[in-house]
Amino acid sequence: FQQQNKTLYSAVMFAGALGVLTGVRGGSFSISLDERHTNNGSVWTNAHEALLRKGKVATFELRTALEHDSTLEEALQRMTETHFIAPFYAILGGAAPGAGAVVTRERDFTVD
C-alpha cells in the first residue's frame, strides 16, 4: 500500500476478505492475527459487541495500525487497549533484535 509514491506497508490479502490478517510496515514492525477460540461467545455476541458496545474488528484495526502507527510500541498499544468484537492472538515483531510480543486478547481486555 502506497502513500505519496512511497510504500507505507505490505500485507497479505485474500479475495473476499476485508481488513488485513498479516502485514509489515518496513523498518518498523510486523503484525499478524491468529484465531483464539473461547467458549464465551458466538457470532451474536460479536454482533452485540460491534453494534451496541462499539467494539472494533481486529482485521480493520490491524490495517489502521499499519497505516498510522510508526513504531512497534504504538501498534502494541493499539492492540492491547482497543475494545474488539472477538478474542484473538496478535503477534508483533519489531525491527530491533528481540523486539516483539504475543498479545492474548479477550473482547474488552488483554489477557497477557
Foldseek 3Di string as FASTA:
>chain_A
DDDPPHDLKDADDDPPDPAGAWIDGPQAKIKGKFDDDDPPDDVVQLVCCVPPVVAAAVRNLQVVCSRPPRHQVVSVCSVFQGQHSAWIWMWMATNDPPDIDIWTDGRHGTPD
